[in-house]
């Protein structure tokens, strides 16, 4: 991996590690736009101030946009979510394994 690739991955992970950033994107994974209030409800537990901050960061990163219908992912955001699509299947298997370990 080149140093440019390492820097890019580091920058993306830093963005996604921000509190609720992944949840905001994940809430928009179905491709349907959501109003601010609906997005807040979809994420759950996020304050309006934090949601505003994450929206601003994700929009500046080119992963989210705002249109007449509300907030939605951009093509780049959809591509990222597609690549993270296996996360749901992995999480289910991982949780089952964790449950077995705790018995």
C-alpha atoms as a PDB file:
ATOM      1  CA  UNK A   1       0.000   0.000   0.000  1.00  0.00           C
ATOM      2  CA  UNK A   2       1.371   3.394  -0.962  1.00  0.00           C
ATOM      3  CA  UNK A   3       1.723   6.225   1.501  1.00  0.00           C
ATOM      4  CA  UNK A   4      -1.030   8.140  -0.357  1.00  0.00           C
ATOM      5  CA  UNK A   5      -3.378   5.177   0.090  1.00  0.00           C
ATOM      6  CA  UNK A   6      -2.471   4.947   3.761  1.00  0.00           C
ATOM      7  CA  UNK A   7      -3.206   8.624   4.250  1.00  0.00           C
ATOM      8  CA  UNK A   8      -6.538   8.323   2.425  1.00  0.00           C
ATOM      9  CA  UNK A   9      -7.576   5.319   4.525  1.00  0.00           C
ATOM     10  CA  UNK A  10      -6.535   7.138   7.682  1.00  0.00           C
ATOM     11  CA  UNK A  11      -8.586  10.186   6.743  1.00  0.00           C
ATOM     12  CA  UNK A  12     -11.657   8.101   5.916  1.00  0.00           C
ATOM     13  CA  UNK A  13     -11.405   6.103   9.138  1.00  0.00           C
ATOM     14  CA  UNK A  14     -10.980   9.288  11.146  1.00  0.00           C
ATOM     15  CA  UNK A  15     -14.191  10.652   9.630  1.00  0.00           C
ATOM     16  CA  UNK A  16     -16.117   7.422  10.150  1.00  0.00           C
ATOM     17  CA  UNK A  17     -14.864   7.062  13.735  1.00  0.00           C
ATOM     18  CA  UNK A  18     -16.565  10.326  14.668  1.00  0.00           C
ATOM     19  CA  UNK A  19     -19.437   9.646  17.025  1.00  0.00           C
ATOM     20  CA  UNK A  20     -22.562   8.621  15.091  1.00  0.00           C
ATOM     21  CA  UNK A  21     -21.019   9.164  11.635  1.00  0.00           C
ATOM     22  CA  UNK A  22     -21.471   5.538  10.611  1.00  0.00           C
ATOM     23  CA  UNK A  23     -24.973   5.472  12.073  1.00  0.00           C
ATOM     24  CA  UNK A  24     -25.976   8.521  10.050  1.00  0.00           C
ATOM     25  CA  UNK A  25     -24.738   6.929   6.835  1.00  0.00           C
ATOM     26  CA  UNK A  26     -26.229   3.563   7.759  1.00  0.00           C
ATOM     27  CA  UNK A  27     -29.632   5.186   8.344  1.00  0.00           C
ATOM     28  CA  UNK A  28     -29.539   6.370   4.718  1.00  0.00           C
ATOM     29  CA  UNK A  29     -28.411   3.047   3.227  1.00  0.00           C
ATOM     30  CA  UNK A  30     -31.781   2.303   1.583  1.00  0.00           C
ATOM     31  CA  UNK A  31     -31.266   5.254  -0.756  1.00  0.00           C
ATOM     32  CA  UNK A  32     -34.330   7.190   0.390  1.00  0.00           C
ATOM     33  CA  UNK A  33     -33.915  10.794   1.495  1.00  0.00           C
ATOM     34  CA  UNK A  34     -34.819  11.642   5.080  1.00  0.00           C
ATOM     35  CA  UNK A  35     -35.738  14.895   6.754  1.00  0.00           C
ATOM     36  CA  UNK A  36     -33.595  16.072   9.636  1.00  0.00           C
ATOM     37  CA  UNK A  37     -36.137  14.845  12.202  1.00  0.00           C
ATOM     38  CA  UNK A  38     -36.586  11.462  10.546  1.00  0.00           C
ATOM     39  CA  UNK A  39     -32.820  11.048  10.292  1.00  0.00           C
ATOM     40  CA  UNK A  40     -32.472  11.922  13.979  1.00  0.00           C
ATOM     41  CA  UNK A  41     -35.102   9.298  14.845  1.00  0.00           C
ATOM     42  CA  UNK A  42     -33.450   6.741  12.539  1.00  0.00           C
ATOM     43  CA  UNK A  43     -30.065   7.217  14.200  1.00  0.00           C
ATOM     44  CA  UNK A  44     -31.499   7.229  17.721  1.00  0.00           C
ATOM     45  CA  UNK A  45     -29.969   8.969  20.711  1.00  0.00           C
ATOM     46  CA  UNK A  46     -28.218  11.664  18.698  1.00  0.00           C
ATOM     47  CA  UNK A  47     -28.649  15.289  19.719  1.00  0.00           C
ATOM     48  CA  UNK A  48     -29.594  17.870  17.077  1.00  0.00           C
ATOM     49  CA  UNK A  49     -26.236  19.604  17.544  1.00  0.00           C
ATOM     50  CA  UNK A  50     -24.272  16.389  17.007  1.00  0.00           C
ATOM     51  CA  UNK A  51     -26.401  15.458  13.996  1.00  0.00           C
ATOM     52  CA  UNK A  52     -25.816  18.898  12.472  1.00  0.00           C
ATOM     53  CA  UNK A  53     -22.071  18.470  12.973  1.00  0.00           C
ATOM     54  CA  UNK A  54     -22.017  14.985  11.405  1.00  0.00           C
ATOM     55  CA  UNK A  55     -24.148  16.135   8.466  1.00  0.00           C
ATOM     56  CA  UNK A  56     -21.774  19.018   7.851  1.00  0.00           C
ATOM     57  CA  UNK A  57     -18.720  16.739   7.980  1.00  0.00           C
ATOM     58  CA  UNK A  58     -20.271  14.056   5.782  1.00  0.00           C
ATOM     59  CA  UNK A  59     -21.445  16.652   3.246  1.00  0.00           C
ATOM     60  CA  UNK A  60     -17.981  18.234   3.136  1.00  0.00           C
ATOM     61  CA  UNK A  61     -16.528  14.755   2.580  1.00  0.00           C
ATOM     62  CA  UNK A  62     -18.877  14.234  -0.369  1.00  0.00           C
ATOM     63  CA  UNK A  63     -20.730  11.314   1.224  1.00  0.00           C
ATOM     64  CA  UNK A  64     -24.053  13.056   1.880  1.00  0.00           C
ATOM     65  CA  UNK A  65     -26.136  15.684   0.180  1.00  0.00           C
ATOM     66  CA  UNK A  66     -29.279  17.668   0.920  1.00  0.00           C
ATOM     67  CA  UNK A  67     -32.050  18.057  -1.620  1.00  0.00           C
ATOM     68  CA  UNK A  68     -35.737  18.930  -1.734  1.00  0.00           C
ATOM     69  CA  UNK A  69     -36.694  15.604  -0.123  1.00  0.00           C
ATOM     70  CA  UNK A  70     -34.117  15.775   2.660  1.00  0.00           C
ATOM     71  CA  UNK A  71     -30.739  14.214   3.305  1.00  0.00           C
ATOM     72  CA  UNK A  72     -29.401  11.360   1.195  1.00  0.00           C
ATOM     73  CA  UNK A  73     -26.113   9.704   0.384  1.00  0.00           C
ATOM     74  CA  UNK A  74     -24.202  10.736  -2.709  1.00  0.00           C
ATOM     75  CA  UNK A  75     -22.886   8.257  -5.251  1.00  0.00           C
ATOM     76  CA  UNK A  76     -19.659   8.090  -3.235  1.00  0.00           C
ATOM     77  CA  UNK A  77     -21.647   7.507  -0.041  1.00  0.00           C
ATOM     78  CA  UNK A  78     -23.667   4.757  -1.725  1.00  0.00           C
ATOM     79  CA  UNK A  79     -20.434   3.162  -2.945  1.00  0.00           C
ATOM     80  CA  UNK A  80     -19.018   3.202   0.597  1.00  0.00           C
ATOM     81  CA  UNK A  81     -22.225   1.694   2.003  1.00  0.00           C
ATOM     82  CA  UNK A  82     -22.176  -0.980  -0.700  1.00  0.00           C
ATOM     83  CA  UNK A  83     -18.650  -1.904   0.327  1.00  0.00           C
ATOM     84  CA  UNK A  84     -19.754  -2.030   3.968  1.00  0.00           C
ATOM     85  CA  UNK A  85     -22.775  -4.159   3.057  1.00  0.00           C
ATOM     86  CA  UNK A  86     -21.201  -7.312   4.413  1.00  0.00           C
ATOM     87  CA  UNK A  87     -20.985  -5.651   7.822  1.00  0.00           C
ATOM     88  CA  UNK A  88     -24.543  -6.680   8.683  1.00  0.00           C
ATOM     89  CA  UNK A  89     -23.896 -10.365   7.924  1.00  0.00           C
ATOM     90  CA  UNK A  90     -20.578 -10.265   9.761  1.00  0.00           C
ATOM     91  CA  UNK A  91     -22.171  -8.574  12.785  1.00  0.00           C
ATOM     92  CA  UNK A  92     -24.792 -11.317  13.043  1.00  0.00           C
ATOM     93  CA  UNK A  93     -22.174 -14.077  12.960  1.00  0.00           C
ATOM     94  CA  UNK A  94     -19.931 -12.189  15.364  1.00  0.00           C
ATOM     95  CA  UNK A  95     -22.764 -11.590  17.866  1.00  0.00           C
ATOM     96  CA  UNK A  96     -23.704 -15.282  17.754  1.00  0.00           C
ATOM     97  CA  UNK A  97     -20.082 -16.214  18.454  1.00  0.00           C
ATOM     98  CA  UNK A  98     -19.929 -13.766  21.347  1.00  0.00           C
ATOM     99  CA  UNK A  99     -23.122 -15.210  22.806  1.00  0.00           C
ATOM    100  CA  UNK A 100     -21.639 -18.735  22.683  1.00  0.00           C
ATOM    101  CA  UNK A 101     -18.471 -17.545  24.428  1.00  0.00           C
ATOM    102  CA  UNK A 102     -20.438 -15.999  27.301  1.00  0.00           C
ATOM    103  CA  UNK A 103     -22.349 -19.212  28.093  1.00  0.00           C
END
